[in-house]
């Protein structure tokens, strides 16, 4: 799991609780130390307990660098720039960072909220750096849909949309998520998955803005 923030760490802890050996990657050394001490640096109900149990079981360990794995899950920030565009530098940097460790049969999943085309660009970077394309290395987008304060439950229970760069990637990603997600999995392609998450976020943002305007009017 690359990126141990408010989405990556709970996901890593949930996977560890399901028996996966989880190699967490975080660029901040102080965060690595906190997690390896069995504590969560993210404020989220029950996360401390889950992280402590996962670390004590030996199923979760944080590192500064990736290693050889079966599944690479990228959950890094995609903040907005001053020009109102998504800053995808961390997504692409994470993709390049895992390339030396990729092997045939691997699955790479992007969970970060990203504009359409991002997952395909990741696949292009992987091809450029390793020479491998799907189905050698499968690439998919499964955007996170969690609400802060309920992340632990929603990582497992929420419906998820899963879209790969091709059918093989979509199916491989769905098979992975079925091992820990109890919600419905909606299978599509990566561009549709990327677009659906942006529409969901935009719809929510417009609702909040409308509520704020009503509040001002009522006041």
N, C-alpha and C. Protein backbone atom coordinates (compact mmCIF):
# COMPACT_ATOMS: atom_id res chain seq x y z
N UNK A 1 0.86 -1.18 0.00
CA UNK A 1 0.00 0.00 0.00
C UNK A 1 0.90 1.23 0.00
N UNK A 2 0.85 1.99 -1.09
CA UNK A 2 1.70 3.17 -1.23
C UNK A 2 0.89 4.41 -0.85
N UNK A 3 1.29 5.04 0.25
CA UNK A 3 0.56 6.19 0.77
C UNK A 3 -0.26 5.77 1.98
N UNK A 4 0.23 6.09 3.18
CA UNK A 4 -0.45 5.65 4.41
C UNK A 4 -1.14 6.82 5.09
N UNK A 5 -2.02 7.47 4.34
CA UNK A 5 -2.79 8.59 4.86
C UNK A 5 -4.16 8.15 5.36
N UNK A 6 -5.15 9.04 5.25
CA UNK A 6 -6.47 8.76 5.83
C UNK A 6 -7.22 7.64 5.10
N UNK A 7 -6.81 7.32 3.88
CA UNK A 7 -7.38 6.18 3.15
C UNK A 7 -6.43 4.99 3.17
N UNK A 8 -5.15 5.24 2.89
CA UNK A 8 -4.19 4.15 2.77
C UNK A 8 -3.98 3.37 4.05
N UNK A 9 -3.86 4.08 5.19
CA UNK A 9 -3.60 3.38 6.45
C UNK A 9 -4.78 2.51 6.88
N UNK A 10 -6.02 3.04 6.90
CA UNK A 10 -7.15 2.15 7.23
C UNK A 10 -7.28 0.96 6.29
N UNK A 11 -7.04 1.18 5.00
CA UNK A 11 -7.11 0.08 4.03
C UNK A 11 -6.04 -0.95 4.33
N UNK A 12 -4.83 -0.48 4.61
CA UNK A 12 -3.73 -1.39 4.94
C UNK A 12 -4.05 -2.20 6.20
N UNK A 13 -4.62 -1.53 7.19
CA UNK A 13 -4.95 -2.21 8.45
C UNK A 13 -6.06 -3.24 8.25
N UNK A 14 -7.06 -2.89 7.44
CA UNK A 14 -8.15 -3.83 7.14
C UNK A 14 -7.60 -5.06 6.40
N UNK A 15 -6.74 -4.82 5.40
CA UNK A 15 -6.15 -5.93 4.66
C UNK A 15 -5.33 -6.83 5.59
N UNK A 16 -4.57 -6.21 6.49
CA UNK A 16 -3.76 -6.98 7.44
C UNK A 16 -4.65 -7.82 8.35
N UNK A 17 -5.81 -7.25 8.75
CA UNK A 17 -6.72 -7.98 9.62
C UNK A 17 -7.36 -9.16 8.91
N UNK A 18 -7.36 -9.14 7.56
CA UNK A 18 -7.90 -10.24 6.77
C UNK A 18 -6.83 -11.27 6.42
N UNK A 19 -5.63 -11.09 6.97
CA UNK A 19 -4.59 -12.09 6.78
C UNK A 19 -3.55 -11.76 5.73
N UNK A 20 -3.71 -10.62 5.05
CA UNK A 20 -2.70 -10.23 4.07
C UNK A 20 -1.42 -9.78 4.77
N UNK A 21 -0.28 -10.07 4.17
CA UNK A 21 1.00 -9.49 4.61
C UNK A 21 1.13 -8.15 3.90
N UNK A 22 1.02 -7.06 4.65
CA UNK A 22 0.95 -5.73 4.06
C UNK A 22 2.26 -4.97 4.27
N UNK A 23 2.84 -4.54 3.16
CA UNK A 23 4.05 -3.73 3.15
C UNK A 23 3.62 -2.30 2.86
N UNK A 24 3.51 -1.48 3.90
CA UNK A 24 3.08 -0.10 3.72
C UNK A 24 4.24 0.79 3.32
N UNK A 25 3.99 1.74 2.43
CA UNK A 25 5.04 2.66 1.97
C UNK A 25 4.60 4.09 2.26
N UNK A 26 5.48 4.83 2.92
CA UNK A 26 5.19 6.22 3.27
C UNK A 26 6.50 7.01 3.20
N UNK A 27 6.44 8.19 2.58
CA UNK A 27 7.66 8.98 2.37
C UNK A 27 8.10 9.72 3.63
N UNK A 28 7.19 9.86 4.60
CA UNK A 28 7.53 10.58 5.83
C UNK A 28 8.06 9.60 6.87
N UNK A 29 9.33 9.74 7.21
CA UNK A 29 9.98 8.81 8.13
C UNK A 29 9.30 8.80 9.50
N UNK A 30 8.85 9.96 9.96
CA UNK A 30 8.22 10.01 11.28
C UNK A 30 6.91 9.22 11.30
N UNK A 31 6.19 9.20 10.18
CA UNK A 31 4.95 8.43 10.09
C UNK A 31 5.26 6.93 10.09
N UNK A 32 6.31 6.54 9.39
CA UNK A 32 6.74 5.14 9.39
C UNK A 32 7.03 4.68 10.81
N UNK A 33 7.73 5.50 11.58
CA UNK A 33 8.07 5.14 12.96
C UNK A 33 6.82 5.00 13.83
N UNK A 34 5.88 5.92 13.66
CA UNK A 34 4.64 5.88 14.45
C UNK A 34 3.86 4.60 14.17
N UNK A 35 3.71 4.26 12.89
CA UNK A 35 2.94 3.07 12.52
C UNK A 35 3.63 1.80 13.02
N UNK A 36 4.94 1.72 12.86
CA UNK A 36 5.67 0.53 13.30
C UNK A 36 5.68 0.39 14.81
N UNK A 37 5.36 1.49 15.51
CA UNK A 37 5.21 1.42 16.96
C UNK A 37 3.80 0.98 17.35
N UNK A 38 2.97 0.72 16.34
CA UNK A 38 1.62 0.23 16.60
C UNK A 38 0.61 1.33 16.86
N UNK A 39 0.86 2.52 16.30
CA UNK A 39 -0.06 3.64 16.50
C UNK A 39 -0.47 4.22 15.16
N UNK A 40 -1.61 4.88 15.15
CA UNK A 40 -2.11 5.53 13.93
C UNK A 40 -1.83 7.02 14.03
N UNK A 41 -1.31 7.60 12.96
CA UNK A 41 -1.07 9.05 12.93
C UNK A 41 -2.28 9.78 12.39
N UNK A 42 -3.30 9.03 11.97
CA UNK A 42 -4.54 9.60 11.44
C UNK A 42 -5.62 9.45 12.50
N UNK A 43 -6.36 10.52 12.76
CA UNK A 43 -7.44 10.48 13.74
C UNK A 43 -8.67 9.85 13.10
N UNK A 44 -8.99 8.65 13.53
CA UNK A 44 -10.13 7.90 12.99
C UNK A 44 -10.56 6.89 14.03
N UNK A 45 -11.87 6.83 14.37
CA UNK A 45 -12.33 5.90 15.39
C UNK A 45 -11.90 4.46 15.13
N UNK A 46 -11.35 3.81 16.14
CA UNK A 46 -10.95 2.40 16.13
C UNK A 46 -9.71 2.11 15.27
N UNK A 47 -9.16 3.11 14.61
CA UNK A 47 -8.00 2.84 13.76
C UNK A 47 -6.77 2.48 14.57
N UNK A 48 -6.59 3.15 15.71
CA UNK A 48 -5.44 2.83 16.57
C UNK A 48 -5.44 1.35 16.95
N UNK A 49 -6.61 0.85 17.36
CA UNK A 49 -6.71 -0.55 17.77
C UNK A 49 -6.40 -1.49 16.62
N UNK A 50 -6.92 -1.16 15.43
CA UNK A 50 -6.72 -2.02 14.27
C UNK A 50 -5.25 -2.03 13.84
N UNK A 51 -4.62 -0.85 13.86
CA UNK A 51 -3.20 -0.77 13.50
C UNK A 51 -2.35 -1.52 14.51
N UNK A 52 -2.64 -1.33 15.80
CA UNK A 52 -1.86 -2.01 16.83
C UNK A 52 -1.95 -3.53 16.67
N UNK A 53 -3.16 -4.02 16.44
CA UNK A 53 -3.34 -5.47 16.28
C UNK A 53 -2.61 -5.98 15.04
N UNK A 54 -2.69 -5.21 13.94
CA UNK A 54 -2.06 -5.63 12.68
C UNK A 54 -0.54 -5.67 12.82
N UNK A 55 0.03 -4.66 13.50
CA UNK A 55 1.48 -4.61 13.71
C UNK A 55 1.93 -5.73 14.64
N UNK A 56 1.17 -5.96 15.71
CA UNK A 56 1.52 -7.01 16.66
C UNK A 56 1.45 -8.40 16.04
N UNK A 57 0.50 -8.60 15.12
CA UNK A 57 0.40 -9.88 14.42
C UNK A 57 1.51 -10.08 13.41
N UNK A 58 2.19 -8.98 13.07
CA UNK A 58 3.25 -9.05 12.07
C UNK A 58 2.75 -8.95 10.65
N UNK A 59 1.46 -8.60 10.49
CA UNK A 59 0.87 -8.51 9.15
C UNK A 59 1.01 -7.13 8.51
N UNK A 60 1.39 -6.13 9.30
CA UNK A 60 1.54 -4.78 8.78
C UNK A 60 2.85 -4.18 9.25
N UNK A 61 3.63 -3.69 8.29
CA UNK A 61 4.86 -2.99 8.61
C UNK A 61 5.04 -1.85 7.61
N UNK A 62 5.44 -0.70 8.12
CA UNK A 62 5.63 0.48 7.27
C UNK A 62 7.10 0.62 6.87
N UNK A 63 7.31 1.12 5.66
CA UNK A 63 8.66 1.28 5.11
C UNK A 63 8.72 2.57 4.31
N UNK A 64 9.95 2.97 3.98
CA UNK A 64 10.15 4.15 3.14
C UNK A 64 10.17 3.80 1.66
N UNK A 65 10.38 2.50 1.34
CA UNK A 65 10.48 2.06 -0.04
C UNK A 65 9.59 0.84 -0.28
N UNK A 66 9.13 0.65 -1.53
CA UNK A 66 8.33 -0.54 -1.84
C UNK A 66 9.19 -1.80 -1.84
N UNK A 67 8.55 -2.93 -2.06
CA UNK A 67 9.25 -4.20 -2.22
C UNK A 67 8.46 -5.04 -3.22
N UNK A 68 8.94 -6.23 -3.52
CA UNK A 68 8.23 -7.14 -4.42
C UNK A 68 6.94 -7.59 -3.74
N UNK A 69 5.82 -7.44 -4.42
CA UNK A 69 4.51 -7.81 -3.87
C UNK A 69 3.65 -8.42 -4.98
N UNK A 70 2.46 -8.88 -4.59
CA UNK A 70 1.50 -9.38 -5.57
C UNK A 70 0.59 -8.26 -6.06
N UNK A 71 0.17 -7.41 -5.13
CA UNK A 71 -0.74 -6.31 -5.44
C UNK A 71 -0.14 -5.01 -4.94
N UNK A 72 -0.14 -3.99 -5.79
CA UNK A 72 0.31 -2.65 -5.41
C UNK A 72 -0.89 -1.73 -5.41
N UNK A 73 -1.22 -1.17 -4.25
CA UNK A 73 -2.37 -0.28 -4.11
C UNK A 73 -1.86 1.13 -3.83
N UNK A 74 -2.16 2.06 -4.73
CA UNK A 74 -1.67 3.43 -4.61
C UNK A 74 -2.78 4.33 -4.08
N UNK A 75 -2.50 4.96 -2.93
CA UNK A 75 -3.49 5.83 -2.29
C UNK A 75 -2.79 7.11 -1.83
N UNK A 76 -2.29 7.86 -2.79
CA UNK A 76 -1.57 9.10 -2.48
C UNK A 76 -2.46 10.30 -2.77
N UNK A 77 -2.14 11.47 -2.20
CA UNK A 77 -2.98 12.65 -2.42
C UNK A 77 -2.96 13.14 -3.87
N UNK A 78 -4.07 13.72 -4.29
CA UNK A 78 -4.16 14.38 -5.60
C UNK A 78 -4.77 15.77 -5.38
N UNK A 79 -4.01 16.67 -4.76
CA UNK A 79 -4.56 18.00 -4.42
C UNK A 79 -4.77 18.85 -5.65
N UNK A 80 -5.54 19.93 -5.47
CA UNK A 80 -5.76 20.88 -6.55
C UNK A 80 -4.63 21.90 -6.61
N UNK A 81 -4.23 22.26 -7.81
CA UNK A 81 -3.21 23.30 -7.98
C UNK A 81 -3.88 24.67 -7.95
N UNK A 82 -3.07 25.72 -7.95
CA UNK A 82 -3.62 27.08 -7.97
C UNK A 82 -4.38 27.35 -9.26
N UNK A 83 -4.15 26.51 -10.28
CA UNK A 83 -4.83 26.66 -11.56
C UNK A 83 -6.08 25.77 -11.64
N UNK A 84 -6.51 25.24 -10.49
CA UNK A 84 -7.72 24.42 -10.40
C UNK A 84 -7.63 23.15 -11.24
N UNK A 85 -6.44 22.56 -11.25
CA UNK A 85 -6.24 21.27 -11.91
C UNK A 85 -5.67 20.30 -10.89
N UNK A 86 -5.91 19.01 -11.10
CA UNK A 86 -5.40 18.01 -10.16
C UNK A 86 -3.89 17.89 -10.28
N UNK A 87 -3.21 17.91 -9.14
CA UNK A 87 -1.77 17.68 -9.11
C UNK A 87 -1.55 16.17 -9.03
N UNK A 88 -1.16 15.58 -10.15
CA UNK A 88 -0.99 14.12 -10.22
C UNK A 88 0.46 13.69 -10.06
N UNK A 89 1.30 14.62 -9.63
CA UNK A 89 2.73 14.31 -9.52
C UNK A 89 3.00 13.16 -8.56
N UNK A 90 2.24 13.09 -7.46
CA UNK A 90 2.48 12.02 -6.49
C UNK A 90 2.02 10.66 -7.02
N UNK A 91 0.96 10.66 -7.83
CA UNK A 91 0.49 9.42 -8.44
C UNK A 91 1.55 8.87 -9.39
N UNK A 92 2.07 9.75 -10.24
CA UNK A 92 3.04 9.30 -11.23
C UNK A 92 4.39 8.97 -10.57
N UNK A 93 4.75 9.70 -9.52
CA UNK A 93 5.98 9.38 -8.78
C UNK A 93 5.87 8.01 -8.11
N UNK A 94 4.69 7.73 -7.54
CA UNK A 94 4.48 6.43 -6.90
C UNK A 94 4.54 5.31 -7.93
N UNK A 95 3.98 5.57 -9.12
CA UNK A 95 4.01 4.57 -10.19
C UNK A 95 5.45 4.26 -10.58
N UNK A 96 6.24 5.29 -10.75
CA UNK A 96 7.64 5.08 -11.13
C UNK A 96 8.42 4.38 -10.02
N UNK A 97 8.06 4.67 -8.77
CA UNK A 97 8.77 4.07 -7.63
C UNK A 97 8.56 2.56 -7.56
N UNK A 98 7.36 2.09 -7.94
CA UNK A 98 7.09 0.64 -7.83
C UNK A 98 7.60 -0.14 -9.04
N UNK A 99 7.91 0.56 -10.13
CA UNK A 99 8.30 -0.14 -11.37
C UNK A 99 9.45 -1.13 -11.20
N UNK A 100 10.52 -0.80 -10.45
CA UNK A 100 11.61 -1.77 -10.30
C UNK A 100 11.20 -3.06 -9.59
N UNK A 101 10.05 -3.04 -8.92
CA UNK A 101 9.62 -4.19 -8.13
C UNK A 101 8.51 -4.99 -8.81
N UNK A 102 8.04 -4.53 -9.96
CA UNK A 102 6.95 -5.22 -10.64
C UNK A 102 7.43 -6.49 -11.31
N UNK A 103 6.52 -7.49 -11.32
CA UNK A 103 6.81 -8.75 -12.00
C UNK A 103 5.54 -9.23 -12.68
N UNK A 104 5.65 -10.12 -13.66
CA UNK A 104 4.46 -10.62 -14.34
C UNK A 104 3.44 -11.21 -13.36
N UNK A 105 2.18 -10.88 -13.58
CA UNK A 105 1.11 -11.36 -12.71
C UNK A 105 0.69 -10.34 -11.67
N UNK A 106 1.42 -9.23 -11.57
CA UNK A 106 1.08 -8.20 -10.59
C UNK A 106 -0.18 -7.44 -10.97
N UNK A 107 -0.83 -6.89 -9.94
CA UNK A 107 -1.97 -6.00 -10.10
C UNK A 107 -1.61 -4.66 -9.47
N UNK A 108 -1.81 -3.57 -10.22
CA UNK A 108 -1.58 -2.22 -9.70
C UNK A 108 -2.92 -1.50 -9.67
N UNK A 109 -3.32 -1.02 -8.49
CA UNK A 109 -4.63 -0.38 -8.33
C UNK A 109 -4.44 1.05 -7.84
N UNK A 110 -5.09 1.98 -8.51
CA UNK A 110 -5.11 3.38 -8.07
C UNK A 110 -6.42 3.64 -7.33
N UNK A 111 -6.31 4.12 -6.08
CA UNK A 111 -7.51 4.48 -5.31
C UNK A 111 -7.70 5.99 -5.26
N UNK A 112 -6.66 6.75 -5.54
CA UNK A 112 -6.73 8.21 -5.45
C UNK A 112 -7.74 8.78 -6.44
N UNK A 113 -8.47 9.80 -6.03
CA UNK A 113 -9.41 10.49 -6.91
C UNK A 113 -8.63 11.19 -8.02
N UNK A 114 -8.93 10.86 -9.27
CA UNK A 114 -8.11 11.32 -10.39
C UNK A 114 -8.97 11.59 -11.62
N UNK A 115 -8.54 12.51 -12.46
CA UNK A 115 -9.28 12.79 -13.70
C UNK A 115 -9.16 11.64 -14.71
N UNK A 116 -10.13 11.52 -15.62
CA UNK A 116 -10.09 10.45 -16.62
C UNK A 116 -8.78 10.47 -17.41
N UNK A 117 -8.21 9.28 -17.59
CA UNK A 117 -6.95 9.16 -18.30
C UNK A 117 -5.77 8.89 -17.40
N UNK A 118 -5.93 9.11 -16.08
CA UNK A 118 -4.82 8.94 -15.14
C UNK A 118 -4.36 7.49 -15.07
N UNK A 119 -5.30 6.56 -14.96
CA UNK A 119 -4.95 5.14 -14.85
C UNK A 119 -4.24 4.66 -16.11
N UNK A 120 -4.72 5.13 -17.25
CA UNK A 120 -4.07 4.76 -18.52
C UNK A 120 -2.65 5.33 -18.61
N UNK A 121 -2.45 6.51 -18.05
CA UNK A 121 -1.12 7.11 -18.03
C UNK A 121 -0.19 6.29 -17.12
N UNK A 122 -0.74 5.78 -16.02
CA UNK A 122 0.05 4.90 -15.16
C UNK A 122 0.49 3.65 -15.92
N UNK A 123 -0.43 3.09 -16.69
CA UNK A 123 -0.10 1.90 -17.49
C UNK A 123 0.97 2.22 -18.52
N UNK A 124 0.91 3.45 -19.08
CA UNK A 124 1.93 3.86 -20.04
C UNK A 124 3.31 3.97 -19.38
N UNK A 125 3.33 4.54 -18.17
CA UNK A 125 4.59 4.66 -17.43
C UNK A 125 5.17 3.28 -17.13
N UNK A 126 4.30 2.36 -16.72
CA UNK A 126 4.75 1.00 -16.42
C UNK A 126 5.32 0.33 -17.66
N UNK A 127 4.66 0.52 -18.79
CA UNK A 127 5.16 -0.05 -20.05
C UNK A 127 6.52 0.55 -20.41
N UNK A 128 6.63 1.86 -20.23
CA UNK A 128 7.88 2.55 -20.58
C UNK A 128 9.03 2.10 -19.70
N UNK A 129 8.76 1.90 -18.41
CA UNK A 129 9.82 1.57 -17.45
C UNK A 129 10.14 0.09 -17.39
N UNK A 130 9.15 -0.76 -17.68
CA UNK A 130 9.34 -2.21 -17.49
C UNK A 130 9.18 -3.02 -18.76
N UNK A 131 8.50 -2.44 -19.76
CA UNK A 131 8.22 -3.17 -20.99
C UNK A 131 7.00 -4.08 -20.87
N UNK A 132 6.35 -4.07 -19.70
CA UNK A 132 5.20 -4.96 -19.48
C UNK A 132 3.88 -4.23 -19.65
N UNK A 133 2.93 -4.92 -20.28
CA UNK A 133 1.57 -4.42 -20.43
C UNK A 133 0.61 -5.49 -19.92
N UNK A 134 -0.67 -5.13 -19.77
CA UNK A 134 -1.66 -6.11 -19.36
C UNK A 134 -1.81 -7.18 -20.44
N UNK A 135 -1.91 -8.47 -20.08
CA UNK A 135 -2.12 -9.00 -18.75
C UNK A 135 -0.85 -9.36 -17.97
N UNK A 136 0.32 -8.92 -18.45
CA UNK A 136 1.54 -9.17 -17.66
C UNK A 136 1.46 -8.42 -16.33
N UNK A 137 1.21 -7.13 -16.41
CA UNK A 137 0.93 -6.32 -15.22
C UNK A 137 -0.41 -5.65 -15.45
N UNK A 138 -1.37 -5.94 -14.59
CA UNK A 138 -2.72 -5.41 -14.76
C UNK A 138 -2.88 -4.13 -13.96
N UNK A 139 -3.58 -3.16 -14.55
CA UNK A 139 -3.71 -1.83 -13.95
C UNK A 139 -5.19 -1.45 -13.91
N UNK A 140 -5.64 -0.96 -12.75
CA UNK A 140 -7.06 -0.63 -12.59
C UNK A 140 -7.24 0.53 -11.63
N UNK A 141 -8.45 1.09 -11.68
CA UNK A 141 -8.85 2.18 -10.78
C UNK A 141 -10.03 1.71 -9.95
N UNK A 142 -9.90 1.84 -8.64
CA UNK A 142 -10.99 1.53 -7.71
C UNK A 142 -11.06 2.67 -6.70
N UNK A 143 -11.71 3.77 -7.06
CA UNK A 143 -11.67 4.98 -6.22
C UNK A 143 -12.25 4.76 -4.83
N UNK A 144 -11.57 5.35 -3.84
CA UNK A 144 -12.07 5.25 -2.46
C UNK A 144 -13.37 6.06 -2.35
N UNK A 145 -14.26 5.59 -1.47
CA UNK A 145 -15.56 6.24 -1.30
C UNK A 145 -15.91 6.35 0.18
N UNK A 146 -14.89 6.61 1.01
CA UNK A 146 -15.11 6.57 2.46
C UNK A 146 -15.41 7.95 3.03
N UNK A 147 -16.14 7.94 4.14
CA UNK A 147 -16.49 9.16 4.87
C UNK A 147 -15.63 9.22 6.13
N UNK A 148 -14.85 10.28 6.32
CA UNK A 148 -14.06 10.40 7.55
C UNK A 148 -14.93 10.22 8.79
N UNK A 149 -14.43 9.42 9.73
CA UNK A 149 -15.20 9.09 10.92
C UNK A 149 -15.86 7.72 10.83
N UNK A 150 -15.97 7.21 9.58
CA UNK A 150 -16.57 5.89 9.37
C UNK A 150 -15.72 5.06 8.41
N UNK A 151 -14.44 5.40 8.31
CA UNK A 151 -13.59 4.79 7.29
C UNK A 151 -13.46 3.28 7.46
N UNK A 152 -13.22 2.82 8.68
CA UNK A 152 -12.99 1.39 8.92
C UNK A 152 -14.17 0.56 8.41
N UNK A 153 -15.39 1.01 8.73
CA UNK A 153 -16.58 0.27 8.30
C UNK A 153 -16.80 0.41 6.80
N UNK A 154 -16.61 1.62 6.29
CA UNK A 154 -16.94 1.86 4.89
C UNK A 154 -15.94 1.26 3.92
N UNK A 155 -14.68 1.09 4.33
CA UNK A 155 -13.71 0.39 3.48
C UNK A 155 -14.22 -1.01 3.14
N UNK A 156 -14.92 -1.61 4.08
CA UNK A 156 -15.42 -2.97 3.90
C UNK A 156 -16.83 -3.00 3.31
N UNK A 157 -17.71 -2.13 3.80
CA UNK A 157 -19.14 -2.25 3.49
C UNK A 157 -19.61 -1.46 2.27
N UNK A 158 -18.89 -0.43 1.89
CA UNK A 158 -19.37 0.39 0.77
C UNK A 158 -19.33 -0.36 -0.56
N UNK A 159 -20.29 -0.03 -1.44
CA UNK A 159 -20.20 -0.50 -2.82
C UNK A 159 -18.98 0.15 -3.46
N UNK A 160 -18.34 -0.55 -4.38
CA UNK A 160 -17.14 -0.01 -5.03
C UNK A 160 -17.28 -0.13 -6.54
N UNK A 161 -16.78 0.89 -7.24
CA UNK A 161 -16.70 0.82 -8.69
C UNK A 161 -15.27 0.45 -9.06
N UNK A 162 -15.13 -0.51 -9.95
CA UNK A 162 -13.82 -1.05 -10.32
C UNK A 162 -13.68 -1.00 -11.83
N UNK A 163 -12.63 -0.34 -12.31
CA UNK A 163 -12.44 -0.25 -13.76
C UNK A 163 -10.99 -0.41 -14.14
N UNK A 164 -10.70 -1.36 -15.01
CA UNK A 164 -9.34 -1.61 -15.45
C UNK A 164 -9.05 -1.01 -16.81
N UNK A 165 -7.77 -1.06 -17.20
CA UNK A 165 -7.39 -0.59 -18.53
C UNK A 165 -7.85 -1.57 -19.60
N UNK A 166 -8.20 -2.79 -19.19
CA UNK A 166 -8.79 -3.79 -20.08
C UNK A 166 -9.59 -4.77 -19.21
N UNK A 167 -10.26 -5.71 -19.86
CA UNK A 167 -11.14 -6.64 -19.13
C UNK A 167 -10.37 -7.48 -18.12
N UNK A 168 -9.17 -7.91 -18.48
CA UNK A 168 -8.37 -8.73 -17.56
C UNK A 168 -8.02 -7.97 -16.30
N UNK A 169 -7.69 -6.68 -16.44
CA UNK A 169 -7.36 -5.85 -15.28
C UNK A 169 -8.58 -5.61 -14.40
N UNK A 170 -9.73 -5.39 -15.02
CA UNK A 170 -10.97 -5.19 -14.26
C UNK A 170 -11.29 -6.42 -13.43
N UNK A 171 -11.19 -7.60 -14.04
CA UNK A 171 -11.53 -8.83 -13.34
C UNK A 171 -10.54 -9.12 -12.22
N UNK A 172 -9.25 -8.89 -12.48
CA UNK A 172 -8.24 -9.14 -11.45
C UNK A 172 -8.44 -8.22 -10.26
N UNK A 173 -8.77 -6.96 -10.54
CA UNK A 173 -9.01 -6.00 -9.46
C UNK A 173 -10.25 -6.39 -8.67
N UNK A 174 -11.32 -6.78 -9.36
CA UNK A 174 -12.55 -7.20 -8.69
C UNK A 174 -12.30 -8.42 -7.80
N UNK A 175 -11.53 -9.37 -8.29
CA UNK A 175 -11.23 -10.57 -7.50
C UNK A 175 -10.49 -10.21 -6.23
N UNK A 176 -9.59 -9.22 -6.30
CA UNK A 176 -8.86 -8.78 -5.11
C UNK A 176 -9.80 -8.12 -4.11
N UNK A 177 -10.65 -7.21 -4.57
CA UNK A 177 -11.54 -6.49 -3.66
C UNK A 177 -12.61 -7.40 -3.05
N UNK A 178 -12.95 -8.44 -3.76
CA UNK A 178 -13.94 -9.39 -3.21
C UNK A 178 -13.43 -10.07 -1.94
N UNK A 179 -12.12 -10.07 -1.73
CA UNK A 179 -11.57 -10.75 -0.55
C UNK A 179 -11.77 -9.96 0.74
N UNK A 180 -12.14 -8.67 0.62
CA UNK A 180 -12.34 -7.90 1.86
C UNK A 180 -13.51 -6.92 1.80
N UNK A 181 -14.13 -6.74 0.65
CA UNK A 181 -15.27 -5.83 0.51
C UNK A 181 -16.57 -6.63 0.48
N UNK A 182 -17.53 -6.26 1.34
CA UNK A 182 -18.82 -6.94 1.37
C UNK A 182 -19.87 -6.21 0.54
N UNK A 183 -19.59 -4.96 0.17
CA UNK A 183 -20.51 -4.21 -0.69
C UNK A 183 -20.47 -4.73 -2.11
N UNK A 184 -21.38 -4.22 -2.94
CA UNK A 184 -21.42 -4.64 -4.35
C UNK A 184 -20.23 -4.05 -5.10
N UNK A 185 -19.70 -4.80 -6.05
CA UNK A 185 -18.65 -4.32 -6.93
C UNK A 185 -19.26 -4.05 -8.30
N UNK A 186 -19.10 -2.83 -8.78
CA UNK A 186 -19.64 -2.43 -10.07
C UNK A 186 -18.49 -2.38 -11.06
N UNK A 187 -18.50 -3.30 -12.02
CA UNK A 187 -17.36 -3.46 -12.93
C UNK A 187 -17.56 -2.62 -14.20
N UNK A 188 -16.50 -1.90 -14.58
CA UNK A 188 -16.55 -1.06 -15.77
C UNK A 188 -15.12 -0.88 -16.29
N UNK A 189 -14.86 0.20 -17.01
CA UNK A 189 -13.49 0.49 -17.45
C UNK A 189 -12.93 1.65 -16.63
N UNK A 190 -11.62 1.89 -16.73
CA UNK A 190 -10.98 2.85 -15.83
C UNK A 190 -11.47 4.28 -16.04
N UNK A 191 -11.73 4.68 -17.29
CA UNK A 191 -12.20 6.05 -17.52
C UNK A 191 -13.58 6.27 -16.91
N UNK A 192 -14.44 5.27 -17.01
CA UNK A 192 -15.77 5.38 -16.41
C UNK A 192 -15.66 5.45 -14.90
N UNK A 193 -14.78 4.64 -14.31
CA UNK A 193 -14.59 4.65 -12.86
C UNK A 193 -14.07 6.01 -12.39
N UNK A 194 -13.11 6.56 -13.13
CA UNK A 194 -12.56 7.87 -12.78
C UNK A 194 -13.64 8.95 -12.86
N UNK A 195 -14.44 8.90 -13.92
CA UNK A 195 -15.49 9.90 -14.12
C UNK A 195 -16.57 9.78 -13.05
N UNK A 196 -16.96 8.56 -12.72
CA UNK A 196 -18.01 8.33 -11.72
C UNK A 196 -17.63 8.94 -10.37
N UNK A 197 -16.36 8.77 -9.97
CA UNK A 197 -15.92 9.33 -8.69
C UNK A 197 -15.96 10.85 -8.71
N UNK A 198 -15.55 11.45 -9.82
CA UNK A 198 -15.58 12.91 -9.91
C UNK A 198 -17.01 13.44 -9.90
N UNK A 199 -17.92 12.73 -10.57
CA UNK A 199 -19.33 13.12 -10.56
C UNK A 199 -19.90 13.03 -9.14
N UNK A 200 -19.56 11.95 -8.45
CA UNK A 200 -20.04 11.76 -7.07
C UNK A 200 -19.55 12.90 -6.17
N UNK A 201 -18.25 13.22 -6.27
CA UNK A 201 -17.69 14.30 -5.46
C UNK A 201 -18.32 15.64 -5.81
N UNK A 202 -18.50 15.89 -7.11
CA UNK A 202 -19.07 17.17 -7.56
C UNK A 202 -20.51 17.32 -7.09
N UNK A 203 -21.28 16.24 -7.18
CA UNK A 203 -22.68 16.25 -6.75
C UNK A 203 -22.76 16.60 -5.26
N UNK A 204 -21.88 15.99 -4.48
CA UNK A 204 -21.86 16.24 -3.04
C UNK A 204 -21.45 17.69 -2.76
N UNK A 205 -20.48 18.19 -3.49
CA UNK A 205 -19.99 19.56 -3.30
C UNK A 205 -21.09 20.57 -3.61
N UNK A 206 -21.83 20.33 -4.69
CA UNK A 206 -22.92 21.23 -5.07
C UNK A 206 -24.01 21.23 -4.00
N UNK A 207 -24.31 20.05 -3.44
CA UNK A 207 -25.33 19.96 -2.38
C UNK A 207 -24.91 20.75 -1.15
N UNK A 208 -23.64 20.64 -0.77
CA UNK A 208 -23.15 21.38 0.40
C UNK A 208 -23.18 22.88 0.14
N UNK A 209 -22.77 23.29 -1.06
CA UNK A 209 -22.80 24.71 -1.42
C UNK A 209 -24.23 25.26 -1.39
N UNK A 210 -25.17 24.47 -1.89
CA UNK A 210 -26.57 24.88 -1.90
C UNK A 210 -27.08 25.02 -0.47
N UNK A 211 -26.73 24.06 0.40
CA UNK A 211 -27.14 24.13 1.81
C UNK A 211 -26.57 25.37 2.49
N UNK A 212 -25.33 25.69 2.17
CA UNK A 212 -24.70 26.88 2.75
C UNK A 212 -25.42 28.15 2.30
N UNK A 213 -25.81 28.20 1.02
CA UNK A 213 -26.53 29.37 0.52
C UNK A 213 -27.90 29.51 1.22
N UNK A 214 -28.58 28.37 1.39
CA UNK A 214 -29.87 28.39 2.10
C UNK A 214 -29.70 28.88 3.53
N UNK A 215 -28.61 28.45 4.16
CA UNK A 215 -28.33 28.86 5.54
C UNK A 215 -28.17 30.38 5.61
N UNK A 216 -27.43 30.96 4.67
CA UNK A 216 -27.23 32.40 4.65
C UNK A 216 -28.57 33.13 4.43
N UNK A 217 -29.39 32.62 3.51
CA UNK A 217 -30.68 33.23 3.24
C UNK A 217 -31.59 33.18 4.46
N UNK A 218 -31.60 32.02 5.13
CA UNK A 218 -32.47 31.84 6.29
C UNK A 218 -32.01 32.72 7.46
N UNK A 219 -30.70 32.84 7.64
CA UNK A 219 -30.19 33.72 8.68
C UNK A 219 -30.65 35.16 8.45
